[in-house]
Amino acid sequence: MEFRKDLGQYVYEYEGLLFAWDEEPEEDIQNTVESLAENYFKNLDVIIDFMLSDIKEIYGEVTVEDVKEKLGKPVIDYNNGKVTYYEQSFDDCHIFEFEFMDDAFEDLQYFSIDG
């Protein structure tokens, strides 16, 4: 775990995902991180379907595969229940973000394209 000044958070990378906390966790996070990563990848198509209509509204006709290629590395903020894509490659000025209400990434809310 390391502190990233650009995010202002402590981060831990696992399976190509960045997990972030405002304060360094005192407990062992490995099981939580492994479970979240498994659920994120298992539900990636569901996550993309959740975002797809808003992405199409701004960027035109794109497929699920297009979105998978362009999302970039997600930052999963476990304490705040948010997933943020700072490095998406649809353009160079927007940040994609949504909230997750459960660790299974099945209850998703409030997708936004900010920038």
PDB file of N, CA and C in Angstrom:
ATOM      1  N   MET A   1       0.848  -1.163   0.000  1.00  0.00           N
ATOM      2  CA  MET A   1       0.000   0.000   0.000  1.00  0.00           C
ATOM      3  C   MET A   1       0.896   1.229   0.000  1.00  0.00           C
ATOM      4  N   GLU A   2       0.491   2.206  -0.782  1.00  0.00           N
ATOM      5  CA  GLU A   2       1.263   3.440  -0.865  1.00  0.00           C
ATOM      6  C   GLU A   2       0.317   4.629  -0.893  1.00  0.00           C
ATOM      7  N   PHE A   3       0.805   5.787  -0.507  1.00  0.00           N
ATOM      8  CA  PHE A   3       0.019   7.006  -0.581  1.00  0.00           C
ATOM      9  C   PHE A   3       0.283   7.672  -1.922  1.00  0.00           C
ATOM     10  N   ARG A   4      -0.787   7.944  -2.693  1.00  0.00           N
ATOM     11  CA  ARG A   4      -0.651   8.624  -3.980  1.00  0.00           C
ATOM     12  C   ARG A   4      -1.120  10.061  -3.821  1.00  0.00           C
ATOM     13  N   LYS A   5      -0.182  10.982  -3.985  1.00  0.00           N
ATOM     14  CA  LYS A   5      -0.504  12.400  -3.841  1.00  0.00           C
ATOM     15  C   LYS A   5      -1.522  12.859  -4.875  1.00  0.00           C
ATOM     16  N   ASP A   6      -1.419  12.325  -6.116  1.00  0.00           N
ATOM     17  CA  ASP A   6      -2.341  12.751  -7.171  1.00  0.00           C
ATOM     18  C   ASP A   6      -3.785  12.390  -6.845  1.00  0.00           C
ATOM     19  N   LEU A   7      -4.000  11.321  -6.088  1.00  0.00           N
ATOM     20  CA  LEU A   7      -5.352  10.926  -5.682  1.00  0.00           C
ATOM     21  C   LEU A   7      -5.682  11.407  -4.268  1.00  0.00           C
ATOM     22  N   GLY A   8      -4.644  11.683  -3.493  1.00  0.00           N
ATOM     23  CA  GLY A   8      -4.856  12.060  -2.109  1.00  0.00           C
ATOM     24  C   GLY A   8      -5.350  10.902  -1.264  1.00  0.00           C
ATOM     25  N   GLN A   9      -4.997   9.670  -1.676  1.00  0.00           N
ATOM     26  CA  GLN A   9      -5.474   8.479  -0.986  1.00  0.00           C
ATOM     27  C   GLN A   9      -4.384   7.422  -0.921  1.00  0.00           C
ATOM     28  N   TYR A  10      -4.588   6.476  -0.029  1.00  0.00           N
ATOM     29  CA  TYR A  10      -3.753   5.281   0.020  1.00  0.00           C
ATOM     30  C   TYR A  10      -4.294   4.301  -1.002  1.00  0.00           C
ATOM     31  N   VAL A  11      -3.422   3.709  -1.783  1.00  0.00           N
ATOM     32  CA  VAL A  11      -3.865   2.800  -2.833  1.00  0.00           C
ATOM     33  C   VAL A  11      -3.136   1.466  -2.739  1.00  0.00           C
ATOM     34  N   TYR A  12      -3.834   0.465  -3.259  1.00  0.00           N
ATOM     35  CA  TYR A  12      -3.302  -0.881  -3.339  1.00  0.00           C
ATOM     36  C   TYR A  12      -3.716  -1.423  -4.695  1.00  0.00           C
ATOM     37  N   GLU A  13      -2.778  -1.878  -5.486  1.00  0.00           N
ATOM     38  CA  GLU A  13      -3.103  -2.404  -6.815  1.00  0.00           C
ATOM     39  C   GLU A  13      -3.188  -3.911  -6.766  1.00  0.00           C
ATOM     40  N   TYR A  14      -4.238  -4.437  -7.401  1.00  0.00           N
ATOM     41  CA  TYR A  14      -4.454  -5.880  -7.454  1.00  0.00           C
ATOM     42  C   TYR A  14      -5.194  -6.204  -8.743  1.00  0.00           C
ATOM     43  N   GLU A  15      -4.646  -7.133  -9.528  1.00  0.00           N
ATOM     44  CA  GLU A  15      -5.285  -7.594 -10.771  1.00  0.00           C
ATOM     45  C   GLU A  15      -5.617  -6.449 -11.728  1.00  0.00           C
ATOM     46  N   GLY A  16      -4.790  -5.410 -11.760  1.00  0.00           N
ATOM     47  CA  GLY A  16      -5.013  -4.288 -12.664  1.00  0.00           C
ATOM     48  C   GLY A  16      -6.045  -3.289 -12.172  1.00  0.00           C
ATOM     49  N   LEU A  17      -6.487  -3.432 -10.942  1.00  0.00           N
ATOM     50  CA  LEU A  17      -7.437  -2.504 -10.332  1.00  0.00           C
ATOM     51  C   LEU A  17      -6.726  -1.747  -9.221  1.00  0.00           C
ATOM     52  N   LEU A  18      -7.069  -0.483  -9.042  1.00  0.00           N
ATOM     53  CA  LEU A  18      -6.535   0.296  -7.927  1.00  0.00           C
ATOM     54  C   LEU A  18      -7.626   0.421  -6.863  1.00  0.00           C
ATOM     55  N   PHE A  19      -7.300   0.041  -5.649  1.00  0.00           N
ATOM     56  CA  PHE A  19      -8.214   0.180  -4.526  1.00  0.00           C
ATOM     57  C   PHE A  19      -7.718   1.342  -3.682  1.00  0.00           C
ATOM     58  N   ALA A  20      -8.628   2.210  -3.266  1.00  0.00           N
ATOM     59  CA  ALA A  20      -8.222   3.445  -2.598  1.00  0.00           C
ATOM     60  C   ALA A  20      -8.973   3.637  -1.288  1.00  0.00           C
ATOM     61  N   TRP A  21      -8.235   4.200  -0.305  1.00  0.00           N
ATOM     62  CA  TRP A  21      -8.782   4.546   1.000  1.00  0.00           C
ATOM     63  C   TRP A  21      -8.285   5.928   1.380  1.00  0.00           C
ATOM     64  N   ASP A  22      -9.149   6.702   2.050  1.00  0.00           N
ATOM     65  CA  ASP A  22      -8.756   8.028   2.525  1.00  0.00           C
ATOM     66  C   ASP A  22      -7.699   7.921   3.628  1.00  0.00           C
ATOM     67  N   GLU A  23      -7.845   6.914   4.478  1.00  0.00           N
ATOM     68  CA  GLU A  23      -6.875   6.664   5.543  1.00  0.00           C
ATOM     69  C   GLU A  23      -6.345   5.251   5.383  1.00  0.00           C
ATOM     70  N   GLU A  24      -5.111   5.049   5.756  1.00  0.00           N
ATOM     71  CA  GLU A  24      -4.517   3.718   5.619  1.00  0.00           C
ATOM     72  C   GLU A  24      -5.294   2.721   6.475  1.00  0.00           C
ATOM     73  N   PRO A  25      -5.795   1.648   5.861  1.00  0.00           N
ATOM     74  CA  PRO A  25      -6.567   0.658   6.624  1.00  0.00           C
ATOM     75  C   PRO A  25      -5.713   0.006   7.704  1.00  0.00           C
ATOM     76  N   GLU A  26      -6.326  -0.179   8.857  1.00  0.00           N
ATOM     77  CA  GLU A  26      -5.628  -0.830   9.952  1.00  0.00           C
ATOM     78  C   GLU A  26      -5.766  -2.340   9.887  1.00  0.00           C
ATOM     79  N   GLU A  27      -6.857  -2.826   9.285  1.00  0.00           N
ATOM     80  CA  GLU A  27      -7.091  -4.259   9.196  1.00  0.00           C
ATOM     81  C   GLU A  27      -6.503  -4.817   7.897  1.00  0.00           C
ATOM     82  N   ASP A  28      -6.421  -6.128   7.822  1.00  0.00           N
ATOM     83  CA  ASP A  28      -5.943  -6.799   6.619  1.00  0.00           C
ATOM     84  C   ASP A  28      -6.997  -6.652   5.524  1.00  0.00           C
ATOM     85  N   ILE A  29      -6.611  -6.130   4.392  1.00  0.00           N
ATOM     86  CA  ILE A  29      -7.554  -5.845   3.310  1.00  0.00           C
ATOM     87  C   ILE A  29      -7.525  -6.875   2.188  1.00  0.00           C
ATOM     88  N   GLN A  30      -6.623  -7.826   2.263  1.00  0.00           N
ATOM     89  CA  GLN A  30      -6.416  -8.740   1.142  1.00  0.00           C
ATOM     90  C   GLN A  30      -7.696  -9.486   0.750  1.00  0.00           C
ATOM     91  N   ASN A  31      -8.424 -10.022   1.715  1.00  0.00           N
ATOM     92  CA  ASN A  31      -9.656 -10.758   1.392  1.00  0.00           C
ATOM     93  C   ASN A  31     -10.698  -9.845   0.762  1.00  0.00           C
ATOM     94  N   THR A  32     -10.807  -8.633   1.274  1.00  0.00           N
ATOM     95  CA  THR A  32     -11.760  -7.670   0.714  1.00  0.00           C
ATOM     96  C   THR A  32     -11.394  -7.315  -0.718  1.00  0.00           C
ATOM     97  N   VAL A  33     -10.124  -7.050  -0.947  1.00  0.00           N
ATOM     98  CA  VAL A  33      -9.642  -6.685  -2.279  1.00  0.00           C
ATOM     99  C   VAL A  33      -9.868  -7.845  -3.263  1.00  0.00           C
ATOM    100  N   GLU A  34      -9.535  -9.043  -2.863  1.00  0.00           N
ATOM    101  CA  GLU A  34      -9.709 -10.202  -3.741  1.00  0.00           C
ATOM    102  C   GLU A  34     -11.172 -10.416  -4.091  1.00  0.00           C
ATOM    103  N   SER A  35     -12.053 -10.284  -3.109  1.00  0.00           N
ATOM    104  CA  SER A  35     -13.484 -10.453  -3.346  1.00  0.00           C
ATOM    105  C   SER A  35     -14.026  -9.358  -4.268  1.00  0.00           C
ATOM    106  N   LEU A  36     -13.646  -8.119  -4.019  1.00  0.00           N
ATOM    107  CA  LEU A  36     -14.100  -7.013  -4.874  1.00  0.00           C
ATOM    108  C   LEU A  36     -13.599  -7.173  -6.306  1.00  0.00           C
ATOM    109  N   ALA A  37     -12.341  -7.562  -6.469  1.00  0.00           N
ATOM    110  CA  ALA A  37     -11.790  -7.747  -7.814  1.00  0.00           C
ATOM    111  C   ALA A  37     -12.547  -8.842  -8.552  1.00  0.00           C
ATOM    112  N   GLU A  38     -12.785  -9.952  -7.885  1.00  0.00           N
ATOM    113  CA  GLU A  38     -13.526 -11.052  -8.517  1.00  0.00           C
ATOM    114  C   GLU A  38     -14.914 -10.594  -8.934  1.00  0.00           C
ATOM    115  N   ASN A  39     -15.609  -9.886  -8.050  1.00  0.00           N
ATOM    116  CA  ASN A  39     -16.959  -9.417  -8.362  1.00  0.00           C
ATOM    117  C   ASN A  39     -16.960  -8.349  -9.438  1.00  0.00           C
ATOM    118  N   TYR A  40     -15.961  -7.485  -9.443  1.00  0.00           N
ATOM    119  CA  TYR A  40     -15.871  -6.455 -10.476  1.00  0.00           C
ATOM    120  C   TYR A  40     -15.742  -7.113 -11.854  1.00  0.00           C
ATOM    121  N   PHE A  41     -14.800  -8.030 -11.992  1.00  0.00           N
ATOM    122  CA  PHE A  41     -14.596  -8.666 -13.294  1.00  0.00           C
ATOM    123  C   PHE A  41     -15.778  -9.551 -13.687  1.00  0.00           C
ATOM    124  N   LYS A  42     -16.389 -10.209 -12.726  1.00  0.00           N
ATOM    125  CA  LYS A  42     -17.546 -11.062 -13.010  1.00  0.00           C
ATOM    126  C   LYS A  42     -18.715 -10.229 -13.531  1.00  0.00           C
ATOM    127  N   ASN A  43     -18.835  -9.000 -13.050  1.00  0.00           N
ATOM    128  CA  ASN A  43     -19.964  -8.139 -13.418  1.00  0.00           C
ATOM    129  C   ASN A  43     -19.582  -6.993 -14.347  1.00  0.00           C
ATOM    130  N   LEU A  44     -18.425  -7.091 -15.001  1.00  0.00           N
ATOM    131  CA  LEU A  44     -17.983  -5.990 -15.863  1.00  0.00           C
ATOM    132  C   LEU A  44     -18.973  -5.700 -16.985  1.00  0.00           C
ATOM    133  N   ASP A  45     -19.566  -6.714 -17.590  1.00  0.00           N
ATOM    134  CA  ASP A  45     -20.557  -6.463 -18.637  1.00  0.00           C
ATOM    135  C   ASP A  45     -21.788  -5.752 -18.077  1.00  0.00           C
ATOM    136  N   VAL A  46     -22.209  -6.109 -16.874  1.00  0.00           N
ATOM    137  CA  VAL A  46     -23.339  -5.445 -16.213  1.00  0.00           C
ATOM    138  C   VAL A  46     -22.988  -3.986 -15.930  1.00  0.00           C
ATOM    139  N   ILE A  47     -21.774  -3.763 -15.457  1.00  0.00           N
ATOM    140  CA  ILE A  47     -21.311  -2.398 -15.187  1.00  0.00           C
ATOM    141  C   ILE A  47     -21.317  -1.560 -16.464  1.00  0.00           C
ATOM    142  N   ILE A  48     -20.807  -2.130 -17.537  1.00  0.00           N
ATOM    143  CA  ILE A  48     -20.765  -1.400 -18.810  1.00  0.00           C
ATOM    144  C   ILE A  48     -22.168  -1.144 -19.338  1.00  0.00           C
ATOM    145  N   ASP A  49     -23.060  -2.130 -19.230  1.00  0.00           N
ATOM    146  CA  ASP A  49     -24.450  -1.915 -19.640  1.00  0.00           C
ATOM    147  C   ASP A  49     -25.076  -0.764 -18.863  1.00  0.00           C
ATOM    148  N   PHE A  50     -24.737  -0.650 -17.591  1.00  0.00           N
ATOM    149  CA  PHE A  50     -25.243   0.430 -16.746  1.00  0.00           C
ATOM    150  C   PHE A  50     -24.785   1.802 -17.264  1.00  0.00           C
ATOM    151  N   MET A  51     -23.576   1.884 -17.781  1.00  0.00           N
ATOM    152  CA  MET A  51     -23.006   3.152 -18.248  1.00  0.00           C
ATOM    153  C   MET A  51     -23.272   3.435 -19.725  1.00  0.00           C
ATOM    154  N   LEU A  52     -23.591   2.418 -20.475  1.00  0.00           N
ATOM    155  CA  LEU A  52     -23.553   2.482 -21.938  1.00  0.00           C
ATOM    156  C   LEU A  52     -24.440   3.565 -22.554  1.00  0.00           C
ATOM    157  N   SER A  53     -25.669   3.710 -22.085  1.00  0.00           N
ATOM    158  CA  SER A  53     -26.550   4.697 -22.733  1.00  0.00           C
ATOM    159  C   SER A  53     -26.011   6.120 -22.558  1.00  0.00           C
ATOM    160  N   ASP A  54     -25.450   6.431 -21.395  1.00  0.00           N
ATOM    161  CA  ASP A  54     -24.874   7.763 -21.182  1.00  0.00           C
ATOM    162  C   ASP A  54     -23.621   7.970 -22.027  1.00  0.00           C
ATOM    163  N   ILE A  55     -22.810   6.940 -22.143  1.00  0.00           N
ATOM    164  CA  ILE A  55     -21.604   7.032 -22.975  1.00  0.00           C
ATOM    165  C   ILE A  55     -21.990   7.236 -24.435  1.00  0.00           C
ATOM    166  N   LYS A  56     -22.993   6.496 -24.908  1.00  0.00           N
ATOM    167  CA  LYS A  56     -23.457   6.644 -26.299  1.00  0.00           C
ATOM    168  C   LYS A  56     -24.011   8.041 -26.554  1.00  0.00           C
ATOM    169  N   GLU A  57     -24.667   8.597 -25.562  1.00  0.00           N
ATOM    170  CA  GLU A  57     -25.251   9.939 -25.712  1.00  0.00           C
ATOM    171  C   GLU A  57     -24.173  10.977 -26.006  1.00  0.00           C
ATOM    172  N   ILE A  58     -22.999  10.810 -25.421  1.00  0.00           N
ATOM    173  CA  ILE A  58     -21.920  11.777 -25.604  1.00  0.00           C
ATOM    174  C   ILE A  58     -20.978  11.392 -26.738  1.00  0.00           C
ATOM    175  N   TYR A  59     -20.650  10.096 -26.851  1.00  0.00           N
ATOM    176  CA  TYR A  59     -19.608   9.667 -27.787  1.00  0.00           C
ATOM    177  C   TYR A  59     -20.140   8.941 -29.020  1.00  0.00           C
ATOM    178  N   GLY A  60     -21.444   8.811 -29.152  1.00  0.00           N
ATOM    179  CA  GLY A  60     -22.009   8.154 -30.318  1.00  0.00           C
ATOM    180  C   GLY A  60     -22.056   6.645 -30.153  1.00  0.00           C
ATOM    181  N   GLU A  61     -22.240   5.983 -31.246  1.00  0.00           N
ATOM    182  CA  GLU A  61     -22.431   4.527 -31.230  1.00  0.00           C
ATOM    183  C   GLU A  61     -21.145   3.811 -30.836  1.00  0.00           C
ATOM    184  N   VAL A  62     -21.155   3.180 -29.673  1.00  0.00           N
ATOM    185  CA  VAL A  62     -20.036   2.386 -29.190  1.00  0.00           C
ATOM    186  C   VAL A  62     -20.580   1.048 -28.703  1.00  0.00           C
ATOM    187  N   THR A  63     -19.722   0.054 -28.703  1.00  0.00           N
ATOM    188  CA  THR A  63     -20.115  -1.276 -28.248  1.00  0.00           C
ATOM    189  C   THR A  63     -19.563  -1.534 -26.849  1.00  0.00           C
ATOM    190  N   VAL A  64     -19.999  -2.610 -26.266  1.00  0.00           N
ATOM    191  CA  VAL A  64     -19.476  -3.039 -24.967  1.00  0.00           C
ATOM    192  C   VAL A  64     -17.969  -3.253 -25.073  1.00  0.00           C
ATOM    193  N   GLU A  65     -17.517  -3.840 -26.156  1.00  0.00           N
ATOM    194  CA  GLU A  65     -16.083  -4.080 -26.348  1.00  0.00           C
ATOM    195  C   GLU A  65     -15.314  -2.769 -26.472  1.00  0.00           C
ATOM    196  N   ASP A  66     -15.893  -1.776 -27.162  1.00  0.00           N
ATOM    197  CA  ASP A  66     -15.259  -0.452 -27.246  1.00  0.00           C
ATOM    198  C   ASP A  66     -15.052   0.128 -25.852  1.00  0.00           C
ATOM    199  N   VAL A  67     -16.089   0.024 -25.030  1.00  0.00           N
ATOM    200  CA  VAL A  67     -16.014   0.581 -23.676  1.00  0.00           C
ATOM    201  C   VAL A  67     -14.960  -0.159 -22.861  1.00  0.00           C
ATOM    202  N   LYS A  68     -14.919  -1.487 -22.957  1.00  0.00           N
ATOM    203  CA  LYS A  68     -13.910  -2.266 -22.228  1.00  0.00           C
ATOM    204  C   LYS A  68     -12.497  -1.812 -22.581  1.00  0.00           C
ATOM    205  N   GLU A  69     -12.271  -1.547 -23.850  1.00  0.00           N
ATOM    206  CA  GLU A  69     -10.943  -1.126 -24.305  1.00  0.00           C
ATOM    207  C   GLU A  69     -10.579   0.278 -23.836  1.00  0.00           C
ATOM    208  N   LYS A  70     -11.578   1.151 -23.674  1.00  0.00           N
ATOM    209  CA  LYS A  70     -11.299   2.564 -23.429  1.00  0.00           C
ATOM    210  C   LYS A  70     -11.482   3.020 -21.983  1.00  0.00           C
ATOM    211  N   LEU A  71     -11.998   2.176 -21.118  1.00  0.00           N
ATOM    212  CA  LEU A  71     -12.255   2.606 -19.750  1.00  0.00           C
ATOM    213  C   LEU A  71     -10.989   2.934 -18.975  1.00  0.00           C
ATOM    214  N   GLY A  72      -9.932   2.191 -19.208  1.00  0.00           N
ATOM    215  CA  GLY A  72      -8.724   2.401 -18.428  1.00  0.00           C
ATOM    216  C   GLY A  72      -8.817   1.721 -17.078  1.00  0.00           C
ATOM    217  N   LYS A  73      -7.847   1.990 -16.244  1.00  0.00           N
ATOM    218  CA  LYS A  73      -7.762   1.351 -14.930  1.00  0.00           C
ATOM    219  C   LYS A  73      -8.734   2.017 -13.963  1.00  0.00           C
ATOM    220  N   PRO A  74      -9.641   1.231 -13.368  1.00  0.00           N
ATOM    221  CA  PRO A  74     -10.560   1.811 -12.399  1.00  0.00           C
ATOM    222  C   PRO A  74      -9.896   2.024 -11.046  1.00  0.00           C
ATOM    223  N   VAL A  75     -10.352   3.052 -10.354  1.00  0.00           N
ATOM    224  CA  VAL A  75      -9.968   3.283  -8.970  1.00  0.00           C
ATOM    225  C   VAL A  75     -11.218   2.996  -8.144  1.00  0.00           C
ATOM    226  N   ILE A  76     -11.139   1.970  -7.313  1.00  0.00           N
ATOM    227  CA  ILE A  76     -12.274   1.552  -6.503  1.00  0.00           C
ATOM    228  C   ILE A  76     -12.084   2.113  -5.100  1.00  0.00           C
ATOM    229  N   ASP A  77     -12.913   3.090  -4.756  1.00  0.00           N
ATOM    230  CA  ASP A  77     -12.873   3.718  -3.439  1.00  0.00           C
ATOM    231  C   ASP A  77     -13.873   2.968  -2.559  1.00  0.00           C
ATOM    232  N   TYR A  78     -13.369   2.030  -1.803  1.00  0.00           N
ATOM    233  CA  TYR A  78     -14.235   1.132  -1.031  1.00  0.00           C
ATOM    234  C   TYR A  78     -15.035   1.878   0.034  1.00  0.00           C
ATOM    235  N   ASN A  79     -14.406   2.782   0.762  1.00  0.00           N
ATOM    236  CA  ASN A  79     -15.108   3.487   1.842  1.00  0.00           C
ATOM    237  C   ASN A  79     -16.262   4.335   1.336  1.00  0.00           C
ATOM    238  N   ASN A  80     -16.092   4.942   0.172  1.00  0.00           N
ATOM    239  CA  ASN A  80     -17.134   5.807  -0.380  1.00  0.00           C
ATOM    240  C   ASN A  80     -18.021   5.102  -1.396  1.00  0.00           C
ATOM    241  N   GLY A  81     -17.715   3.845  -1.724  1.00  0.00           N
ATOM    242  CA  GLY A  81     -18.545   3.091  -2.658  1.00  0.00           C
ATOM    243  C   GLY A  81     -18.564   3.684  -4.050  1.00  0.00           C
ATOM    244  N   LYS A  82     -17.394   4.091  -4.541  1.00  0.00           N
ATOM    245  CA  LYS A  82     -17.308   4.700  -5.872  1.00  0.00           C
ATOM    246  C   LYS A  82     -16.244   4.022  -6.712  1.00  0.00           C
ATOM    247  N   VAL A  83     -16.514   3.953  -8.000  1.00  0.00           N
ATOM    248  CA  VAL A  83     -15.519   3.519  -8.976  1.00  0.00           C
ATOM    249  C   VAL A  83     -15.311   4.681  -9.928  1.00  0.00           C
ATOM    250  N   THR A  84     -14.052   5.069 -10.103  1.00  0.00           N
ATOM    251  CA  THR A  84     -13.714   6.212 -10.944  1.00  0.00           C
ATOM    252  C   THR A  84     -12.720   5.768 -12.012  1.00  0.00           C
ATOM    253  N   TYR A  85     -12.955   6.243 -13.224  1.00  0.00           N
ATOM    254  CA  TYR A  85     -12.048   5.985 -14.347  1.00  0.00           C
ATOM    255  C   TYR A  85     -11.410   7.313 -14.743  1.00  0.00           C
ATOM    256  N   TYR A  86     -10.239   7.583 -14.197  1.00  0.00           N
ATOM    257  CA  TYR A  86      -9.518   8.819 -14.508  1.00  0.00           C
ATOM    258  C   TYR A  86      -8.829   8.736 -15.866  1.00  0.00           C
ATOM    259  N   GLU A  87      -8.498   7.531 -16.309  1.00  0.00           N
ATOM    260  CA  GLU A  87      -7.679   7.331 -17.506  1.00  0.00           C
ATOM    261  C   GLU A  87      -8.479   6.857 -18.711  1.00  0.00           C
ATOM    262  N   GLN A  88      -9.793   7.062 -18.721  1.00  0.00           N
ATOM    263  CA  GLN A  88     -10.577   6.618 -19.877  1.00  0.00           C
ATOM    264  C   GLN A  88     -10.039   7.288 -21.137  1.00  0.00           C
ATOM    265  N   SER A  89     -10.143   6.594 -22.267  1.00  0.00           N
ATOM    266  CA  SER A  89      -9.542   7.130 -23.498  1.00  0.00           C
ATOM    267  C   SER A  89     -10.577   7.520 -24.554  1.00  0.00           C
ATOM    268  N   PHE A  90     -11.807   7.802 -24.143  1.00  0.00           N
ATOM    269  CA  PHE A  90     -12.777   8.357 -25.084  1.00  0.00           C
ATOM    270  C   PHE A  90     -12.383   9.788 -25.440  1.00  0.00           C
ATOM    271  N   ASP A  91     -11.832  10.500 -24.469  1.00  0.00           N
ATOM    272  CA  ASP A  91     -11.308  11.843 -24.665  1.00  0.00           C
ATOM    273  C   ASP A  91     -10.296  12.100 -23.553  1.00  0.00           C
ATOM    274  N   ASP A  92      -9.762  13.295 -23.496  1.00  0.00           N
ATOM    275  CA  ASP A  92      -8.744  13.569 -22.479  1.00  0.00           C
ATOM    276  C   ASP A  92      -9.208  14.581 -21.426  1.00  0.00           C
ATOM    277  N   CYS A  93     -10.521  14.767 -21.311  1.00  0.00           N
ATOM    278  CA  CYS A  93     -10.972  15.792 -20.379  1.00  0.00           C
ATOM    279  C   CYS A  93     -12.095  15.358 -19.441  1.00  0.00           C
ATOM    280  N   HIS A  94     -12.557  14.125 -19.537  1.00  0.00           N
ATOM    281  CA  HIS A  94     -13.660  13.687 -18.685  1.00  0.00           C
ATOM    282  C   HIS A  94     -13.233  12.569 -17.742  1.00  0.00           C
ATOM    283  N   ILE A  95     -13.923  12.483 -16.638  1.00  0.00           N
ATOM    284  CA  ILE A  95     -13.761  11.411 -15.664  1.00  0.00           C
ATOM    285  C   ILE A  95     -15.099  10.691 -15.580  1.00  0.00           C
ATOM    286  N   PHE A  96     -15.053   9.362 -15.648  1.00  0.00           N
ATOM    287  CA  PHE A  96     -16.264   8.558 -15.511  1.00  0.00           C
ATOM    288  C   PHE A  96     -16.317   8.054 -14.070  1.00  0.00           C
ATOM    289  N   GLU A  97     -17.538   8.021 -13.503  1.00  0.00           N
ATOM    290  CA  GLU A  97     -17.664   7.566 -12.114  1.00  0.00           C
ATOM    291  C   GLU A  97     -19.064   7.014 -11.870  1.00  0.00           C
ATOM    292  N   PHE A  98     -19.134   5.984 -11.037  1.00  0.00           N
ATOM    293  CA  PHE A  98     -20.415   5.485 -10.572  1.00  0.00           C
ATOM    294  C   PHE A  98     -20.276   5.021  -9.130  1.00  0.00           C
ATOM    295  N   GLU A  99     -21.427   4.836  -8.483  1.00  0.00           N
ATOM    296  CA  GLU A  99     -21.445   4.350  -7.110  1.00  0.00           C
ATOM    297  C   GLU A  99     -21.925   2.910  -7.098  1.00  0.00           C
ATOM    298  N   PHE A 100     -21.352   2.129  -6.196  1.00  0.00           N
ATOM    299  CA  PHE A 100     -21.827   0.761  -5.996  1.00  0.00           C
ATOM    300  C   PHE A 100     -22.342   0.633  -4.573  1.00  0.00           C
ATOM    301  N   MET A 101     -23.492  -0.024  -4.449  1.00  0.00           N
ATOM    302  CA  MET A 101     -24.161  -0.130  -3.157  1.00  0.00           C
ATOM    303  C   MET A 101     -23.876  -1.447  -2.449  1.00  0.00           C
ATOM    304  N   ASP A 102     -23.269  -2.394  -3.167  1.00  0.00           N
ATOM    305  CA  ASP A 102     -22.951  -3.689  -2.569  1.00  0.00           C
ATOM    306  C   ASP A 102     -21.615  -4.177  -3.111  1.00  0.00           C
ATOM    307  N   ASP A 103     -20.977  -5.075  -2.388  1.00  0.00           N
ATOM    308  CA  ASP A 103     -19.664  -5.575  -2.792  1.00  0.00           C
ATOM    309  C   ASP A 103     -19.716  -6.473  -4.020  1.00  0.00           C
ATOM    310  N   ALA A 104     -20.915  -6.833  -4.465  1.00  0.00           N
ATOM    311  CA  ALA A 104     -21.062  -7.703  -5.631  1.00  0.00           C
ATOM    312  C   ALA A 104     -21.129  -6.910  -6.939  1.00  0.00           C
ATOM    313  N   PHE A 105     -21.164  -5.594  -6.872  1.00  0.00           N
ATOM    314  CA  PHE A 105     -21.301  -4.730  -8.053  1.00  0.00           C
ATOM    315  C   PHE A 105     -22.571  -5.063  -8.833  1.00  0.00           C
ATOM    316  N   GLU A 106     -23.634  -5.348  -8.112  1.00  0.00           N
ATOM    317  CA  GLU A 106     -24.918  -5.618  -8.747  1.00  0.00           C
ATOM    318  C   GLU A 106     -25.893  -4.456  -8.572  1.00  0.00           C
ATOM    319  N   ASP A 107     -25.723  -3.669  -7.515  1.00  0.00           N
ATOM    320  CA  ASP A 107     -26.570  -2.508  -7.271  1.00  0.00           C
ATOM    321  C   ASP A 107     -25.741  -1.261  -7.554  1.00  0.00           C
ATOM    322  N   LEU A 108     -25.905  -0.716  -8.755  1.00  0.00           N
ATOM    323  CA  LEU A 108     -25.104   0.426  -9.225  1.00  0.00           C
ATOM    324  C   LEU A 108     -25.994   1.653  -9.348  1.00  0.00           C
ATOM    325  N   GLN A 109     -25.420   2.827  -9.044  1.00  0.00           N
ATOM    326  CA  GLN A 109     -26.209   4.055  -9.111  1.00  0.00           C
ATOM    327  C   GLN A 109     -25.332   5.226  -9.541  1.00  0.00           C
ATOM    328  N   TYR A 110     -25.957   6.262 -10.024  1.00  0.00           N
ATOM    329  CA  TYR A 110     -25.385   7.585 -10.237  1.00  0.00           C
ATOM    330  C   TYR A 110     -24.140   7.603 -11.136  1.00  0.00           C
ATOM    331  N   PHE A 111     -24.249   7.052 -12.313  1.00  0.00           N
ATOM    332  CA  PHE A 111     -23.134   7.164 -13.260  1.00  0.00           C
ATOM    333  C   PHE A 111     -23.023   8.603 -13.724  1.00  0.00           C
ATOM    334  N   SER A 112     -21.803   9.121 -13.793  1.00  0.00           N
ATOM    335  CA  SER A 112     -21.601  10.490 -14.274  1.00  0.00           C
ATOM    336  C   SER A 112     -20.357  10.565 -15.153  1.00  0.00           C
ATOM    337  N   ILE A 113     -20.422  11.492 -16.074  1.00  0.00           N
ATOM    338  CA  ILE A 113     -19.274  11.827 -16.921  1.00  0.00           C
ATOM    339  C   ILE A 113     -18.976  13.287 -16.611  1.00  0.00           C
ATOM    340  N   ASP A 114     -17.895  13.507 -15.867  1.00  0.00           N
ATOM    341  CA  ASP A 114     -17.558  14.847 -15.387  1.00  0.00           C
ATOM    342  C   ASP A 114     -16.315  15.359 -16.080  1.00  0.00           C
ATOM    343  N   GLY A 115     -16.225  16.661 -16.188  1.00  0.00           N
ATOM    344  CA  GLY A 115     -15.005  17.227 -16.725  1.00  0.00           C
ATOM    345  C   GLY A 115     -15.197  18.559 -17.379  1.00  0.00           C
TER     346      GLY A 115
END
